[in-house]
Amino acid sequence: MVQRMSLFVASLVAVAVLVVGLTAAGVTVAPSSPAVIASAVAPVAPAATPQVQVDTVYVAPPQAPQTVVVHKTLPAAGGYETESEGAGG
């Protein structure tokens, strides 16, 4: 029950923070003047369609892929030295 109550209180606090923040930002529920209501209700004539100009852009074609050949070489077998061989013991 305590968890439900704390969740309810937290949601009320979140709503209060949102209301304060939106009010500080100037967002209101109702319009503030009759001019705002009139402009929202009045029909607006459609604007003329602007002329569209299409530009053609030419891009150089990509280079052809090149083949890279890798030759792996292995050292000769038995030619390894270790630190203990040169110590002379």
N, C-alpha and C. Protein backbone atom coordinates (compact mmCIF):
# COMPACT_ATOMS: atom_id res chain seq x y z
N MET A 1 0.81 -1.18 0.00
CA MET A 1 0.00 0.00 0.00
C MET A 1 0.86 1.26 0.00
N VAL A 2 1.99 1.18 0.67
CA VAL A 2 2.88 2.33 0.74
C VAL A 2 3.44 2.65 -0.65
N GLN A 3 3.73 1.59 -1.41
CA GLN A 3 4.26 1.80 -2.75
C GLN A 3 3.23 2.50 -3.64
N ARG A 4 1.98 2.11 -3.53
CA ARG A 4 0.93 2.73 -4.35
C ARG A 4 0.77 4.20 -3.98
N MET A 5 0.82 4.49 -2.71
CA MET A 5 0.68 5.87 -2.27
C MET A 5 1.87 6.72 -2.74
N SER A 6 3.06 6.17 -2.65
CA SER A 6 4.24 6.93 -3.09
C SER A 6 4.22 7.11 -4.60
N LEU A 7 3.75 6.13 -5.35
CA LEU A 7 3.64 6.26 -6.79
C LEU A 7 2.61 7.33 -7.17
N PHE A 8 1.50 7.38 -6.43
CA PHE A 8 0.49 8.40 -6.67
C PHE A 8 1.03 9.79 -6.38
N VAL A 9 1.74 9.95 -5.27
CA VAL A 9 2.32 11.25 -4.91
C VAL A 9 3.37 11.66 -5.93
N ALA A 10 4.18 10.71 -6.38
CA ALA A 10 5.21 11.02 -7.38
C ALA A 10 4.57 11.45 -8.69
N SER A 11 3.46 10.85 -9.07
CA SER A 11 2.79 11.27 -10.31
C SER A 11 2.20 12.66 -10.17
N LEU A 12 1.66 12.99 -9.00
CA LEU A 12 1.15 14.35 -8.78
C LEU A 12 2.27 15.37 -8.84
N VAL A 13 3.42 15.04 -8.28
CA VAL A 13 4.57 15.94 -8.32
C VAL A 13 5.03 16.12 -9.77
N ALA A 14 5.05 15.05 -10.56
CA ALA A 14 5.45 15.14 -11.96
C ALA A 14 4.50 16.02 -12.75
N VAL A 15 3.21 15.90 -12.50
CA VAL A 15 2.22 16.75 -13.18
C VAL A 15 2.43 18.21 -12.79
N ALA A 16 2.68 18.46 -11.51
CA ALA A 16 2.90 19.82 -11.05
C ALA A 16 4.14 20.43 -11.70
N VAL A 17 5.20 19.65 -11.82
CA VAL A 17 6.43 20.13 -12.47
C VAL A 17 6.16 20.44 -13.93
N LEU A 18 5.40 19.61 -14.62
CA LEU A 18 5.07 19.87 -16.02
C LEU A 18 4.24 21.13 -16.17
N VAL A 19 3.27 21.33 -15.30
CA VAL A 19 2.42 22.52 -15.36
C VAL A 19 3.25 23.78 -15.14
N VAL A 20 4.12 23.75 -14.15
CA VAL A 20 4.96 24.91 -13.87
C VAL A 20 5.90 25.18 -15.04
N GLY A 21 6.49 24.14 -15.60
CA GLY A 21 7.41 24.32 -16.72
C GLY A 21 6.73 24.84 -17.96
N LEU A 22 5.57 24.30 -18.28
CA LEU A 22 4.85 24.76 -19.48
C LEU A 22 4.33 26.18 -19.29
N THR A 23 3.91 26.52 -18.08
CA THR A 23 3.46 27.88 -17.82
C THR A 23 4.62 28.86 -17.94
N ALA A 24 5.78 28.49 -17.43
CA ALA A 24 6.96 29.35 -17.54
C ALA A 24 7.38 29.53 -18.99
N ALA A 25 7.13 28.52 -19.83
CA ALA A 25 7.49 28.61 -21.24
C ALA A 25 6.47 29.38 -22.05
N GLY A 26 5.34 29.72 -21.45
CA GLY A 26 4.33 30.51 -22.14
C GLY A 26 3.26 29.68 -22.80
N VAL A 27 3.21 28.40 -22.54
CA VAL A 27 2.18 27.54 -23.11
C VAL A 27 0.98 27.58 -22.19
N THR A 28 -0.17 27.93 -22.75
CA THR A 28 -1.39 27.99 -21.94
C THR A 28 -2.44 27.07 -22.55
N VAL A 29 -3.45 26.77 -21.75
CA VAL A 29 -4.51 25.88 -22.20
C VAL A 29 -5.46 26.62 -23.13
N ALA A 30 -5.85 27.84 -22.77
CA ALA A 30 -6.79 28.62 -23.57
C ALA A 30 -6.05 29.77 -24.24
N PRO A 31 -6.51 30.20 -25.41
CA PRO A 31 -5.89 31.36 -26.05
C PRO A 31 -6.03 32.60 -25.16
N SER A 32 -5.07 33.49 -25.24
CA SER A 32 -5.07 34.63 -24.33
C SER A 32 -5.87 35.82 -24.85
N SER A 33 -6.19 35.88 -26.12
CA SER A 33 -6.93 37.03 -26.63
C SER A 33 -7.91 36.59 -27.71
N PRO A 34 -8.97 37.40 -27.98
CA PRO A 34 -9.92 37.05 -29.03
C PRO A 34 -9.30 37.05 -30.42
N ALA A 35 -8.23 37.81 -30.64
CA ALA A 35 -7.58 37.84 -31.95
C ALA A 35 -6.99 36.47 -32.27
N VAL A 36 -6.51 35.80 -31.26
CA VAL A 36 -5.94 34.46 -31.46
C VAL A 36 -7.05 33.49 -31.88
N ILE A 37 -8.20 33.62 -31.25
CA ILE A 37 -9.32 32.75 -31.60
C ILE A 37 -9.78 33.04 -33.03
N ALA A 38 -9.87 34.32 -33.42
CA ALA A 38 -10.32 34.70 -34.76
C ALA A 38 -9.34 34.21 -35.82
N SER A 39 -8.05 34.29 -35.55
CA SER A 39 -7.07 33.84 -36.54
C SER A 39 -7.08 32.32 -36.68
N ALA A 40 -7.43 31.63 -35.60
CA ALA A 40 -7.48 30.17 -35.67
C ALA A 40 -8.71 29.69 -36.42
N VAL A 41 -9.81 30.45 -36.34
CA VAL A 41 -11.06 30.05 -36.96
C VAL A 41 -11.15 30.52 -38.41
N ALA A 42 -10.55 31.66 -38.74
CA ALA A 42 -10.67 32.25 -40.07
C ALA A 42 -10.00 31.36 -41.11
N PRO A 43 -10.66 31.14 -42.26
CA PRO A 43 -10.03 30.34 -43.30
C PRO A 43 -8.87 31.11 -43.95
N VAL A 44 -7.88 30.38 -44.31
CA VAL A 44 -6.69 30.97 -44.91
C VAL A 44 -6.64 30.55 -46.37
N ALA A 45 -6.39 31.51 -47.25
CA ALA A 45 -6.30 31.21 -48.68
C ALA A 45 -5.03 30.40 -48.93
N PRO A 46 -5.12 29.40 -49.80
CA PRO A 46 -3.92 28.60 -50.07
C PRO A 46 -2.86 29.44 -50.77
N ALA A 47 -1.65 29.24 -50.38
CA ALA A 47 -0.54 29.98 -50.97
C ALA A 47 -0.25 29.45 -52.37
N ALA A 48 0.28 30.31 -53.21
CA ALA A 48 0.63 29.91 -54.56
C ALA A 48 1.78 28.91 -54.51
N THR A 49 1.74 27.95 -55.42
CA THR A 49 2.79 26.94 -55.47
C THR A 49 4.06 27.57 -56.02
N PRO A 50 5.17 27.49 -55.29
CA PRO A 50 6.41 28.10 -55.78
C PRO A 50 6.97 27.31 -56.97
N GLN A 51 7.70 28.03 -57.83
CA GLN A 51 8.34 27.40 -58.97
C GLN A 51 9.51 26.55 -58.47
N VAL A 52 9.62 25.36 -58.97
CA VAL A 52 10.67 24.44 -58.54
C VAL A 52 11.72 24.35 -59.63
N GLN A 53 12.98 24.50 -59.23
CA GLN A 53 14.08 24.39 -60.18
C GLN A 53 14.90 23.17 -59.77
N VAL A 54 15.15 22.29 -60.74
CA VAL A 54 15.89 21.07 -60.47
C VAL A 54 17.30 21.23 -61.02
N ASP A 55 18.28 21.02 -60.17
CA ASP A 55 19.68 21.08 -60.59
C ASP A 55 20.19 19.65 -60.75
N THR A 56 20.98 19.45 -61.80
CA THR A 56 21.57 18.14 -62.04
C THR A 56 23.01 18.18 -61.54
N VAL A 57 23.35 17.24 -60.69
CA VAL A 57 24.70 17.16 -60.14
C VAL A 57 25.35 15.90 -60.68
N TYR A 58 26.49 16.07 -61.31
CA TYR A 58 27.22 14.93 -61.85
C TYR A 58 28.33 14.57 -60.88
N VAL A 59 28.42 13.29 -60.58
CA VAL A 59 29.42 12.79 -59.64
C VAL A 59 30.31 11.83 -60.38
N ALA A 60 31.62 11.91 -60.12
CA ALA A 60 32.57 11.00 -60.77
C ALA A 60 32.26 9.56 -60.35
N PRO A 61 32.34 8.62 -61.28
CA PRO A 61 32.05 7.22 -60.92
C PRO A 61 33.11 6.70 -59.95
N PRO A 62 32.74 5.76 -59.11
CA PRO A 62 33.73 5.23 -58.16
C PRO A 62 34.81 4.45 -58.89
N GLN A 63 35.97 4.40 -58.27
CA GLN A 63 37.07 3.65 -58.86
C GLN A 63 36.75 2.15 -58.82
N ALA A 64 37.27 1.46 -59.82
CA ALA A 64 37.06 0.01 -59.87
C ALA A 64 37.81 -0.64 -58.70
N PRO A 65 37.22 -1.64 -58.09
CA PRO A 65 37.93 -2.30 -56.97
C PRO A 65 39.20 -2.97 -57.45
N GLN A 66 40.23 -2.89 -56.61
CA GLN A 66 41.50 -3.51 -56.95
C GLN A 66 41.68 -4.77 -56.11
N THR A 67 42.36 -5.73 -56.68
CA THR A 67 42.61 -6.98 -55.98
C THR A 67 43.94 -6.89 -55.25
N VAL A 68 43.93 -7.23 -53.98
CA VAL A 68 45.14 -7.23 -53.17
C VAL A 68 45.47 -8.68 -52.86
N VAL A 69 46.70 -9.09 -53.20
CA VAL A 69 47.14 -10.46 -52.95
C VAL A 69 48.09 -10.45 -51.77
N VAL A 70 47.81 -11.28 -50.77
CA VAL A 70 48.63 -11.36 -49.58
C VAL A 70 49.32 -12.72 -49.58
N HIS A 71 50.66 -12.71 -49.50
CA HIS A 71 51.45 -13.96 -49.44
C HIS A 71 51.95 -14.12 -48.02
N LYS A 72 51.47 -15.14 -47.35
CA LYS A 72 51.91 -15.39 -45.99
C LYS A 72 53.13 -16.30 -46.04
N THR A 73 54.15 -15.94 -45.30
CA THR A 73 55.36 -16.78 -45.25
C THR A 73 55.56 -17.23 -43.81
N LEU A 74 56.01 -18.44 -43.65
CA LEU A 74 56.28 -19.00 -42.33
C LEU A 74 57.78 -19.18 -42.19
N PRO A 75 58.32 -18.94 -41.00
CA PRO A 75 59.76 -19.16 -40.81
C PRO A 75 60.09 -20.65 -40.92
N ALA A 76 61.33 -20.93 -41.26
CA ALA A 76 61.78 -22.33 -41.39
C ALA A 76 61.64 -23.05 -40.06
N ALA A 77 61.27 -24.31 -40.09
CA ALA A 77 61.07 -25.09 -38.88
C ALA A 77 62.41 -25.40 -38.22
N GLY A 78 62.47 -25.36 -36.90
CA GLY A 78 63.66 -25.74 -36.16
C GLY A 78 64.66 -24.61 -36.01
N GLY A 79 64.41 -23.44 -36.46
CA GLY A 79 65.38 -22.35 -36.36
C GLY A 79 65.09 -21.41 -35.21
N TYR A 80 64.34 -21.86 -34.24
CA TYR A 80 63.97 -20.99 -33.13
C TYR A 80 65.03 -21.06 -32.04
N GLU A 81 65.33 -19.92 -31.42
CA GLU A 81 66.21 -19.88 -30.27
C GLU A 81 65.42 -19.45 -29.06
N THR A 82 65.78 -19.97 -27.93
CA THR A 82 65.16 -19.54 -26.69
C THR A 82 66.19 -18.88 -25.84
N GLU A 83 65.80 -18.24 -24.78
CA GLU A 83 66.75 -17.53 -23.92
C GLU A 83 67.68 -18.50 -23.18
N SER A 84 67.20 -19.68 -22.92
CA SER A 84 68.02 -20.62 -22.14
C SER A 84 69.17 -21.18 -22.97
N GLU A 85 69.07 -21.22 -24.29
CA GLU A 85 70.15 -21.79 -25.11
C GLU A 85 71.38 -20.90 -25.11
N GLY A 86 71.19 -19.60 -25.10
CA GLY A 86 72.33 -18.69 -25.15
C GLY A 86 72.92 -18.40 -23.78
N ALA A 87 72.37 -18.93 -22.73
CA ALA A 87 72.85 -18.61 -21.38
C ALA A 87 74.13 -19.37 -21.05
N GLY A 88 74.41 -20.47 -21.72
CA GLY A 88 75.65 -21.22 -21.48
C GLY A 88 75.67 -21.90 -20.12
N GLY A 89 74.87 -22.82 -19.91
CA GLY A 89 74.77 -23.40 -18.58
C GLY A 89 75.22 -24.74 -18.54
